[in-house]
Amino acid sequence: MTTKLKLPSRRFIKPSFQSLIEKKRDGQEFSQEEIRHIIDSTLDDEMPIHQLSALLMAIYFKQMSAVETAILTEEMMLSGEVVDLSKISRPKVDLYSTGGVGDKTALVLVPLAMAAGVVVPMMCGVESDYVISTLDKLAAFPGFKRTLSLDAFAAQLAKVGGAVVAQDPKLAPADAKFHELRKETGTIPSLPLITGSVLSKKLAEGAESLVIDIKWGNGSFIRELEPAKQLARTMTRVGRSLKRRCVAMVTDMNQPIGDSVGTMLEVREAIELLKGNGTDDMKELILRLGMEIVRLAGVAGSTLSAKQAVQRHLADGSALQKLKELVKAQGGDASLVDNPEKFQQAKHIRKLPAPKRGYVHMINASLITRGVCVLGGGVIKAGDKIDYSVGVSGIKKVGTQVKQGEPLMMIHYNDEAKLEAALGYFKEAYRLAPKRPTPPPLVVERVA
């Protein structure tokens, strides 16, 4: 029989910020105490900005192990308040997407999950410049409130089963400081920092499980496939280590999802999807992600029953009804769900003609979003007011054959000068070729 020798506990001696930078620069791992010291020093503004910047850059180049990333995630989560949803007995599952052009899946999946008896506590953080946020889209409903107090957030979840609000600054404040500096130091793409940022906020808002949509391609800040796969694996691994169930899907973002980009236009498309209509790619993505949500929640035990549950809630109108409840609960005009033609409409619609005959060979999705933002449909600089009526619809997808002069998309606009400025982005977004290309699969990999 052997006994483990108990060593006296050591008092943690705070290392210098320079030594922490050098340690990570040399590829060494931080201890839990060191990571906690970094977080505390960030919150207290003790670490000078130039040294925190250097530390973030060292992490960007030398990475962090799964253990380090899990510790970082937990410490950032505990740096602020944590929403207690334990009084809600129903399963609590959230959806996170790295962001995609024309991706209105959250507008469909949140009410779909609610209809299946799943509580969805969704807080939306800062989006990349390739994305018009889910909150911006929901704000197309007049009166829709973007923010709720944490108490009101929890109360709405208990009452209607879902809430989509802006990130509360009381949650994971250390990450907020990291994120602002990451934007200025070019370290946004760091996989461990992305993982820590996303999971710390999602766990702080009360989610028990998480379905993650990692997008790769020209319409994402993750341009290459392999880093997207690595991020999916890292996030699910760290989520498991923190005793949360996570499933990640790696999906293609080399063209817009669905056939519209723009707040009101995407909301109208989402309403059609909730009625069982819509483009094939959106239907596939909603089915795949929706199945993961109901399975993680324990609502469906098998692949077949999960598929049937998603299809049933779309077919019987229960998911559409939940969208009305969500919009109404947050002060929006829910009557527009039944009467989408009453949304604010753009004054003019103009086609973007194909310059020649051929097949759509490539679409640069990020350029389409930039064009929509120039029209007024997104935020280019702080303080910009969004024009909810503008955007593009009827987007021809990769592999589609077009004749010369046939519309590649329809442009909805209010200002001729803004249209002229946006046309350059729209024209540059398309590449035509004489032979039909083979589009990449929409779902590349599932990680669980």
Protein backbone atom coordinates (compact mmCIF):
# COMPACT_ATOMS: atom_id res chain seq x y z
CA MET A 1 0.00 0.00 0.00
CA THR A 2 1.33 3.39 -0.94
CA THR A 3 0.30 6.85 0.13
CA LYS A 4 0.68 10.04 -1.83
CA LEU A 5 3.04 12.49 -0.22
CA LYS A 6 1.21 15.74 0.52
CA LEU A 7 3.35 18.73 -0.24
CA PRO A 8 2.74 22.05 1.46
CA SER A 9 0.80 24.46 -0.75
CA ARG A 10 2.92 27.13 -2.37
CA ARG A 11 2.01 30.75 -2.23
CA PHE A 12 1.65 32.08 -5.76
CA ILE A 13 4.21 34.78 -6.47
CA LYS A 14 2.96 37.10 -9.18
CA PRO A 15 5.30 37.00 -12.18
CA SER A 16 6.24 40.14 -14.06
CA PHE A 17 4.30 40.89 -17.22
CA GLN A 18 7.54 40.75 -19.19
CA SER A 19 8.27 37.22 -17.94
CA LEU A 20 4.78 36.09 -18.99
CA ILE A 21 5.30 37.50 -22.47
CA GLU A 22 8.70 35.78 -22.74
CA LYS A 23 7.26 32.49 -21.47
CA LYS A 24 4.61 32.38 -24.18
CA ARG A 25 7.03 33.73 -26.79
CA ASP A 26 9.19 30.67 -26.08
CA GLY A 27 6.21 28.34 -26.49
CA GLN A 28 5.73 27.39 -22.85
CA GLU A 29 2.38 26.76 -21.15
CA PHE A 30 0.80 29.05 -18.58
CA SER A 31 -0.40 27.68 -15.26
CA GLN A 32 -3.91 28.33 -13.97
CA GLU A 33 -2.52 30.88 -11.51
CA GLU A 34 -0.71 32.72 -14.30
CA ILE A 35 -3.81 32.85 -16.50
CA ARG A 36 -5.87 34.09 -13.55
CA HIS A 37 -3.21 36.76 -12.92
CA ILE A 38 -3.42 37.86 -16.57
CA ILE A 39 -7.22 38.14 -16.38
CA ASP A 40 -7.17 40.00 -13.05
CA SER A 41 -4.47 42.39 -14.32
CA THR A 42 -6.52 43.05 -17.45
CA LEU A 43 -9.67 43.81 -15.46
CA ASP A 44 -7.79 46.09 -13.06
CA ASP A 45 -5.90 47.85 -15.90
CA GLU A 46 -2.64 46.88 -14.22
CA MET A 47 -1.06 45.41 -17.34
CA PRO A 48 0.05 48.19 -19.70
CA ILE A 49 -1.60 48.11 -23.13
CA HIS A 50 1.71 47.59 -24.95
CA GLN A 51 2.50 44.52 -22.85
CA LEU A 52 -1.02 43.06 -23.18
CA SER A 53 -0.71 43.59 -26.95
CA ALA A 54 2.61 41.75 -26.96
CA LEU A 55 1.08 38.93 -24.92
CA LEU A 56 -1.84 38.55 -27.35
CA MET A 57 0.60 38.47 -30.27
CA ALA A 58 2.69 35.80 -28.51
CA ILE A 59 -0.47 33.70 -28.02
CA TYR A 60 -1.37 34.26 -31.68
CA PHE A 61 1.97 32.83 -32.87
CA LYS A 62 2.63 30.18 -30.18
CA GLN A 63 -0.99 29.12 -29.55
CA MET A 64 -2.32 27.64 -26.31
CA SER A 65 -2.90 24.02 -25.36
CA ALA A 66 -6.43 22.67 -24.84
CA VAL A 67 -5.84 22.80 -21.07
CA GLU A 68 -4.67 26.44 -21.22
CA THR A 69 -7.61 27.39 -23.44
CA ALA A 70 -10.09 25.74 -21.07
CA ILE A 71 -8.60 27.61 -18.11
CA LEU A 72 -8.65 30.88 -20.05
CA THR A 73 -12.31 30.30 -21.00
CA GLU A 74 -13.38 29.58 -17.43
CA GLU A 75 -11.45 32.52 -15.97
CA MET A 76 -12.96 34.91 -18.54
CA MET A 77 -16.42 33.52 -17.82
CA LEU A 78 -15.89 34.10 -14.09
CA SER A 79 -14.56 37.62 -14.66
CA GLY A 80 -18.13 38.94 -14.58
CA GLU A 81 -21.66 37.85 -13.77
CA VAL A 82 -23.06 34.44 -14.74
CA VAL A 83 -26.77 34.11 -15.54
CA ASP A 84 -28.49 31.52 -13.35
CA LEU A 85 -31.15 29.65 -15.32
CA SER A 86 -31.35 26.67 -12.96
CA LYS A 87 -35.00 27.43 -12.14
CA ILE A 88 -35.90 26.73 -15.78
CA SER A 89 -36.28 22.95 -16.05
CA ARG A 90 -36.27 22.78 -19.83
CA PRO A 91 -32.99 22.11 -21.70
CA LYS A 92 -31.01 25.24 -22.56
CA VAL A 93 -29.13 25.17 -25.86
CA ASP A 94 -27.60 28.09 -27.75
CA LEU A 95 -26.37 28.44 -31.31
CA TYR A 96 -23.13 30.16 -32.27
CA SER A 97 -21.99 30.97 -35.79
CA THR A 98 -18.72 32.58 -36.84
CA GLY A 99 -20.87 34.61 -39.22
CA GLY A 100 -21.85 34.30 -42.83
CA VAL A 101 -23.11 36.46 -45.68
CA GLY A 102 -26.86 36.00 -46.06
CA ASP A 103 -26.94 33.53 -43.17
CA LYS A 104 -30.33 33.94 -41.56
CA THR A 105 -30.28 30.51 -39.89
CA ALA A 106 -30.53 31.99 -36.37
CA LEU A 107 -33.78 33.71 -37.37
CA VAL A 108 -35.18 30.27 -38.15
CA LEU A 109 -33.38 28.03 -35.65
CA VAL A 110 -34.19 30.03 -32.51
CA PRO A 111 -37.99 29.82 -32.95
CA LEU A 112 -37.65 26.26 -34.27
CA ALA A 113 -35.83 25.20 -31.10
CA MET A 114 -38.38 27.06 -28.96
CA ALA A 115 -41.19 25.14 -30.69
CA ALA A 116 -39.40 21.89 -29.81
CA GLY A 117 -39.36 22.80 -26.11
CA VAL A 118 -35.75 24.02 -26.02
CA VAL A 119 -34.82 27.27 -24.26
CA VAL A 120 -32.46 29.44 -26.34
CA PRO A 121 -30.50 32.09 -24.39
CA MET A 122 -28.81 33.96 -27.25
CA MET A 123 -26.65 37.01 -26.71
CA CYS A 124 -25.01 38.47 -29.80
CA GLY A 125 -21.52 39.94 -29.60
CA VAL A 126 -19.51 42.03 -32.02
CA GLU A 127 -19.72 40.69 -35.57
CA SER A 128 -17.02 40.74 -38.23
CA ASP A 129 -17.32 43.19 -41.10
CA TYR A 130 -18.54 40.36 -43.34
CA VAL A 131 -21.72 40.00 -41.34
CA ILE A 132 -24.98 41.86 -40.89
CA SER A 133 -25.85 40.72 -37.37
CA THR A 134 -28.91 38.77 -36.31
CA LEU A 135 -29.87 41.71 -34.10
CA ASP A 136 -29.68 44.11 -37.03
CA LYS A 137 -32.04 41.84 -38.93
CA LEU A 138 -34.53 41.52 -36.07
CA ALA A 139 -34.45 45.31 -35.68
CA ALA A 140 -36.26 45.46 -39.04
CA PHE A 141 -39.35 44.75 -36.90
CA PRO A 142 -40.39 48.23 -35.69
CA GLY A 143 -40.02 48.57 -31.93
CA PHE A 144 -37.79 45.51 -31.44
CA LYS A 145 -35.60 45.91 -28.33
CA ARG A 146 -31.97 44.90 -28.74
CA THR A 147 -31.14 45.00 -25.02
CA LEU A 148 -32.65 43.53 -21.87
CA SER A 149 -31.45 43.59 -18.28
CA LEU A 150 -30.14 40.23 -17.07
CA ASP A 151 -33.26 39.79 -14.92
CA ALA A 152 -35.54 40.58 -17.87
CA PHE A 153 -33.47 38.25 -20.06
CA ALA A 154 -33.98 35.34 -17.63
CA ALA A 155 -37.68 36.19 -17.20
CA GLN A 156 -38.30 36.18 -20.94
CA LEU A 157 -36.52 32.82 -21.30
CA ALA A 158 -38.78 31.36 -18.61
CA LYS A 159 -41.92 32.82 -20.22
CA VAL A 160 -41.49 32.30 -23.99
CA GLY A 161 -38.42 30.06 -24.22
CA GLY A 162 -36.07 32.33 -26.14
CA ALA A 163 -34.37 35.70 -26.25
CA VAL A 164 -32.02 37.31 -28.77
CA VAL A 165 -30.28 40.35 -27.30
CA ALA A 166 -27.03 42.28 -27.40
CA GLN A 167 -24.19 41.00 -25.25
CA ASP A 168 -24.53 42.34 -21.70
CA PRO A 169 -21.32 44.15 -20.63
CA LYS A 170 -21.54 42.52 -17.19
CA LEU A 171 -20.82 39.13 -18.78
CA ALA A 172 -17.17 38.19 -19.42
CA PRO A 173 -15.82 41.77 -19.19
CA ALA A 174 -12.24 40.52 -19.49
CA ASP A 175 -13.04 39.18 -22.94
CA ALA A 176 -14.46 42.56 -23.98
CA LYS A 177 -11.11 44.18 -23.19
CA PHE A 178 -9.25 41.41 -25.01
CA HIS A 179 -11.50 41.71 -28.06
CA GLU A 180 -11.04 45.46 -28.50
CA LEU A 181 -7.28 45.03 -28.39
CA ARG A 182 -7.35 41.99 -30.68
CA LYS A 183 -9.04 44.11 -33.36
CA GLU A 184 -6.22 46.66 -33.13
CA THR A 185 -3.38 44.12 -33.05
CA GLY A 186 -4.44 41.77 -35.85
CA THR A 187 -4.95 38.84 -33.48
CA ILE A 188 -8.68 38.25 -34.10
CA PRO A 189 -8.00 34.94 -35.97
CA SER A 190 -6.21 33.35 -32.97
CA LEU A 191 -7.97 30.01 -32.42
CA PRO A 192 -7.51 29.80 -28.62
CA LEU A 193 -8.58 33.44 -28.22
CA ILE A 194 -11.66 32.88 -30.42
CA THR A 195 -12.52 29.78 -28.40
CA GLY A 196 -12.09 31.53 -25.07
CA SER A 197 -14.07 34.54 -26.25
CA VAL A 198 -17.04 32.61 -27.60
CA LEU A 199 -17.35 29.95 -24.92
CA SER A 200 -16.83 32.28 -21.97
CA LYS A 201 -19.78 34.41 -23.09
CA LYS A 202 -22.02 31.51 -24.09
CA LEU A 203 -21.46 29.73 -20.77
CA ALA A 204 -21.96 32.96 -18.82
CA GLU A 205 -25.38 33.49 -20.43
CA GLY A 206 -26.63 30.17 -19.07
CA ALA A 207 -26.33 27.74 -21.99
CA GLU A 208 -25.97 24.08 -21.02
CA SER A 209 -25.14 22.92 -24.54
CA LEU A 210 -23.93 24.62 -27.69
CA VAL A 211 -24.30 24.00 -31.42
CA ILE A 212 -21.50 25.73 -33.33
CA ASP A 213 -21.43 26.65 -37.01
CA ILE A 214 -17.84 27.33 -38.12
CA LYS A 215 -17.81 28.94 -41.56
CA TRP A 216 -14.86 29.03 -43.90
CA GLY A 217 -14.29 30.77 -47.23
CA ASN A 218 -14.20 34.21 -48.82
CA GLY A 219 -17.25 35.33 -46.84
CA SER A 220 -15.68 34.50 -43.48
CA PHE A 221 -12.71 35.77 -41.50
CA ILE A 222 -11.54 32.13 -41.62
CA ARG A 223 -10.45 31.90 -45.24
CA GLU A 224 -8.92 28.41 -45.25
CA LEU A 225 -10.60 25.08 -44.48
CA GLU A 226 -8.00 23.58 -42.14
CA PRO A 227 -8.08 26.40 -39.55
CA ALA A 228 -11.88 26.13 -39.56
CA LYS A 229 -11.63 22.41 -38.78
CA GLN A 230 -9.06 23.12 -36.06
CA LEU A 231 -11.36 25.71 -34.48
CA ALA A 232 -14.29 23.27 -34.51
CA ARG A 233 -12.18 20.64 -32.76
CA THR A 234 -10.76 23.09 -30.23
CA MET A 235 -14.16 24.52 -29.29
CA THR A 236 -15.81 21.12 -28.83
CA ARG A 237 -12.82 19.80 -26.85
CA VAL A 238 -12.78 22.82 -24.52
CA GLY A 239 -16.56 22.73 -24.16
CA ARG A 240 -16.41 19.10 -23.06
CA SER A 241 -13.65 19.84 -20.56
CA LEU A 242 -15.96 22.46 -19.01
CA LYS A 243 -18.76 19.86 -18.80
CA ARG A 244 -20.84 21.31 -21.63
CA ARG A 245 -22.10 19.29 -24.59
CA CYS A 246 -20.93 20.80 -27.87
CA VAL A 247 -21.35 19.88 -31.52
CA ALA A 248 -19.65 21.82 -34.28
CA MET A 249 -20.32 21.86 -38.02
CA VAL A 250 -17.79 23.21 -40.53
CA THR A 251 -19.78 24.81 -43.36
CA ASP A 252 -18.97 26.49 -46.67
CA MET A 253 -19.05 30.30 -46.87
CA ASN A 254 -17.68 30.81 -50.38
CA GLN A 255 -21.01 32.22 -51.54
CA PRO A 256 -23.98 33.80 -49.78
CA ILE A 257 -26.33 31.48 -47.92
CA GLY A 258 -29.85 31.70 -49.31
CA ASP A 259 -30.78 34.17 -52.06
CA SER A 260 -30.83 37.51 -50.23
CA VAL A 261 -28.53 39.82 -48.25
CA GLY A 262 -29.93 42.75 -46.27
CA THR A 263 -31.88 43.10 -43.05
CA MET A 264 -35.52 43.19 -44.15
CA LEU A 265 -34.95 40.94 -47.16
CA GLU A 266 -33.31 38.29 -44.98
CA VAL A 267 -36.13 38.48 -42.43
CA ARG A 268 -38.66 37.92 -45.20
CA GLU A 269 -36.64 34.97 -46.48
CA ALA A 270 -36.49 33.55 -42.93
CA ILE A 271 -40.27 33.81 -42.65
CA GLU A 272 -40.58 31.82 -45.88
CA LEU A 273 -38.20 29.23 -44.49
CA LEU A 274 -40.35 28.92 -41.38
CA LYS A 275 -43.20 28.12 -43.73
CA GLY A 276 -41.14 25.30 -45.27
CA ASN A 277 -40.08 27.21 -48.37
CA GLY A 278 -36.71 28.67 -49.38
CA THR A 279 -33.48 27.75 -51.13
CA ASP A 280 -31.99 24.27 -50.98
CA ASP A 281 -28.82 25.38 -49.18
CA MET A 282 -30.74 27.13 -46.42
CA LYS A 283 -33.10 24.18 -46.01
CA GLU A 284 -30.14 21.81 -45.70
CA LEU A 285 -28.33 24.00 -43.18
CA ILE A 286 -31.44 24.49 -41.04
CA LEU A 287 -32.18 20.77 -41.09
CA ARG A 288 -28.63 19.79 -40.13
CA LEU A 289 -28.20 22.37 -37.37
CA GLY A 290 -31.77 21.96 -36.12
CA MET A 291 -31.25 18.20 -35.75
CA GLU A 292 -28.16 18.85 -33.64
CA ILE A 293 -30.08 21.23 -31.37
CA VAL A 294 -32.93 18.83 -30.61
CA ARG A 295 -30.53 15.92 -30.10
CA LEU A 296 -28.30 17.84 -27.70
CA ALA A 297 -31.41 18.94 -25.81
CA GLY A 298 -32.56 15.34 -25.47
CA VAL A 299 -35.79 16.13 -27.30
CA ALA A 300 -34.94 13.54 -29.97
CA GLY A 301 -32.85 10.43 -29.41
CA SER A 302 -32.08 9.32 -32.94
CA THR A 303 -31.13 10.91 -36.24
CA LEU A 304 -34.50 9.98 -37.73
CA SER A 305 -36.56 11.34 -34.83
CA ALA A 306 -34.48 14.55 -34.85
CA LYS A 307 -35.12 15.02 -38.56
CA GLN A 308 -38.84 14.37 -38.10
CA ALA A 309 -39.03 16.85 -35.21
CA VAL A 310 -37.43 19.64 -37.27
CA GLN A 311 -39.63 18.96 -40.27
CA ARG A 312 -42.79 18.77 -38.13
CA HIS A 313 -42.26 22.14 -36.43
CA LEU A 314 -41.66 23.79 -39.78
CA ALA A 315 -44.67 22.13 -41.41
CA ASP A 316 -47.25 22.69 -38.65
CA GLY A 317 -46.53 26.40 -38.19
CA SER A 318 -45.41 26.08 -34.55
CA ALA A 319 -41.93 27.48 -35.30
CA LEU A 320 -43.47 30.44 -37.13
CA GLN A 321 -45.71 31.08 -34.12
CA LYS A 322 -42.66 31.12 -31.85
CA LEU A 323 -41.06 33.81 -34.01
CA LYS A 324 -44.14 35.95 -33.40
CA GLU A 325 -43.88 35.34 -29.65
CA LEU A 326 -40.18 36.23 -29.61
CA VAL A 327 -40.66 39.46 -31.58
CA LYS A 328 -43.66 40.49 -29.47
CA ALA A 329 -41.86 39.74 -26.19
CA GLN A 330 -39.08 42.14 -27.20
CA GLY A 331 -41.43 44.93 -28.24
CA GLY A 332 -41.44 44.34 -31.99
CA ASP A 333 -44.42 44.47 -34.34
CA ALA A 334 -45.15 40.75 -34.67
CA SER A 335 -48.01 41.36 -37.15
CA LEU A 336 -45.37 41.67 -39.88
CA VAL A 337 -44.66 37.94 -39.58
CA ASP A 338 -48.10 37.29 -41.08
CA ASN A 339 -47.88 40.30 -43.39
CA PRO A 340 -44.23 40.55 -44.52
CA GLU A 341 -45.24 42.73 -47.49
CA LYS A 342 -45.81 45.52 -44.93
CA PHE A 343 -42.10 45.76 -44.11
CA GLN A 344 -40.48 49.00 -45.24
CA GLN A 345 -39.70 48.64 -48.97
CA ALA A 346 -36.90 50.23 -50.99
CA LYS A 347 -37.97 52.89 -53.51
CA HIS A 348 -36.11 51.29 -56.43
CA ILE A 349 -35.14 47.83 -57.65
CA ARG A 350 -32.52 47.33 -60.35
CA LYS A 351 -31.01 44.18 -61.81
CA LEU A 352 -27.28 43.45 -62.00
CA PRO A 353 -27.00 42.06 -65.56
CA ALA A 354 -24.63 39.23 -66.44
CA PRO A 355 -21.87 40.68 -68.68
CA LYS A 356 -21.77 37.51 -70.81
CA ARG A 357 -23.21 34.03 -71.17
CA GLY A 358 -21.81 31.32 -68.93
CA TYR A 359 -21.93 29.64 -65.56
CA VAL A 360 -21.49 31.35 -62.23
CA HIS A 361 -18.02 30.07 -61.38
CA MET A 362 -17.28 32.03 -58.19
CA ILE A 363 -18.94 34.56 -55.88
CA ASN A 364 -17.00 36.69 -53.41
CA ALA A 365 -19.55 36.82 -50.62
CA SER A 366 -17.73 39.47 -48.59
CA LEU A 367 -17.92 41.91 -51.52
CA ILE A 368 -21.68 41.50 -51.66
CA THR A 369 -21.98 42.42 -47.99
CA ARG A 370 -19.73 45.43 -48.50
CA GLY A 371 -21.94 46.56 -51.35
CA VAL A 372 -25.07 46.18 -49.23
CA CYS A 373 -23.42 48.20 -46.45
CA VAL A 374 -22.61 50.97 -48.96
CA LEU A 375 -26.31 51.03 -49.90
CA GLY A 376 -26.99 51.73 -46.23
CA GLY A 377 -27.91 48.20 -45.17
CA GLY A 378 -25.12 47.79 -42.63
CA VAL A 379 -22.74 49.62 -40.37
CA ILE A 380 -19.53 50.89 -41.97
CA LYS A 381 -18.50 53.22 -39.16
CA ALA A 382 -19.75 53.78 -35.63
CA GLY A 383 -22.96 55.77 -35.54
CA ASP A 384 -24.22 54.70 -38.98
CA LYS A 385 -28.00 54.29 -39.16
CA ILE A 386 -29.17 51.16 -40.93
CA ASP A 387 -31.62 51.39 -43.82
CA TYR A 388 -33.64 48.19 -43.31
CA SER A 389 -35.20 48.28 -46.78
CA VAL A 390 -32.04 47.96 -48.92
CA GLY A 391 -30.12 44.90 -49.99
CA VAL A 392 -29.99 42.32 -52.76
CA SER A 393 -32.28 39.40 -53.62
CA GLY A 394 -32.54 36.69 -56.25
CA ILE A 395 -28.81 35.92 -55.99
CA LYS A 396 -27.67 33.49 -58.67
CA LYS A 397 -25.58 30.77 -57.01
CA VAL A 398 -22.40 28.97 -58.05
CA GLY A 399 -23.10 26.50 -60.87
CA THR A 400 -26.10 28.44 -62.25
CA GLN A 401 -26.13 29.04 -66.03
CA VAL A 402 -26.98 32.60 -67.08
CA LYS A 403 -27.50 34.37 -70.38
CA GLN A 404 -25.96 37.73 -71.22
CA GLY A 405 -28.09 40.44 -69.61
CA GLU A 406 -29.89 38.04 -67.29
CA PRO A 407 -29.92 39.34 -63.68
CA LEU A 408 -27.24 37.97 -61.38
CA MET A 409 -29.14 39.63 -58.52
CA MET A 410 -31.76 42.29 -57.89
CA ILE A 411 -30.57 45.41 -56.06
CA HIS A 412 -33.00 47.16 -53.69
CA TYR A 413 -31.91 50.78 -53.08
CA ASN A 414 -33.07 54.27 -52.16
CA ASP A 415 -30.15 56.49 -53.15
CA GLU A 416 -28.71 56.69 -56.69
CA ALA A 417 -25.30 57.88 -55.48
CA LYS A 418 -25.03 54.97 -53.04
CA LEU A 419 -26.08 52.58 -55.81
CA GLU A 420 -23.27 53.76 -58.06
CA ALA A 421 -20.77 53.28 -55.26
CA ALA A 422 -22.10 49.81 -54.44
CA LEU A 423 -22.20 48.57 -58.06
CA GLY A 424 -18.43 48.21 -58.14
CA TYR A 425 -18.54 45.70 -55.28
CA PHE A 426 -21.43 43.75 -56.80
CA LYS A 427 -19.82 43.50 -60.25
CA GLU A 428 -16.48 42.46 -58.77
CA ALA A 429 -18.16 39.76 -56.68
CA TYR A 430 -19.05 37.57 -59.66
CA ARG A 431 -16.87 35.42 -61.94
CA LEU A 432 -18.43 33.64 -64.93
CA ALA A 433 -16.89 30.73 -66.85
CA PRO A 434 -17.90 28.64 -69.91
CA LYS A 435 -17.95 25.34 -67.98
CA ARG A 436 -20.14 24.40 -65.04
CA PRO A 437 -18.10 24.26 -61.81
CA THR A 438 -18.62 21.73 -59.04
CA PRO A 439 -19.73 23.61 -55.92
CA PRO A 440 -18.11 22.45 -52.66
CA PRO A 441 -20.32 20.62 -50.15
CA LEU A 442 -22.26 22.88 -47.80
CA VAL A 443 -21.39 20.85 -44.68
CA VAL A 444 -17.75 19.82 -44.74
CA GLU A 445 -17.33 18.18 -41.35
CA ARG A 446 -19.20 17.41 -38.12
CA VAL A 447 -17.24 17.46 -34.87
CA ALA A 448 -18.79 16.14 -31.66
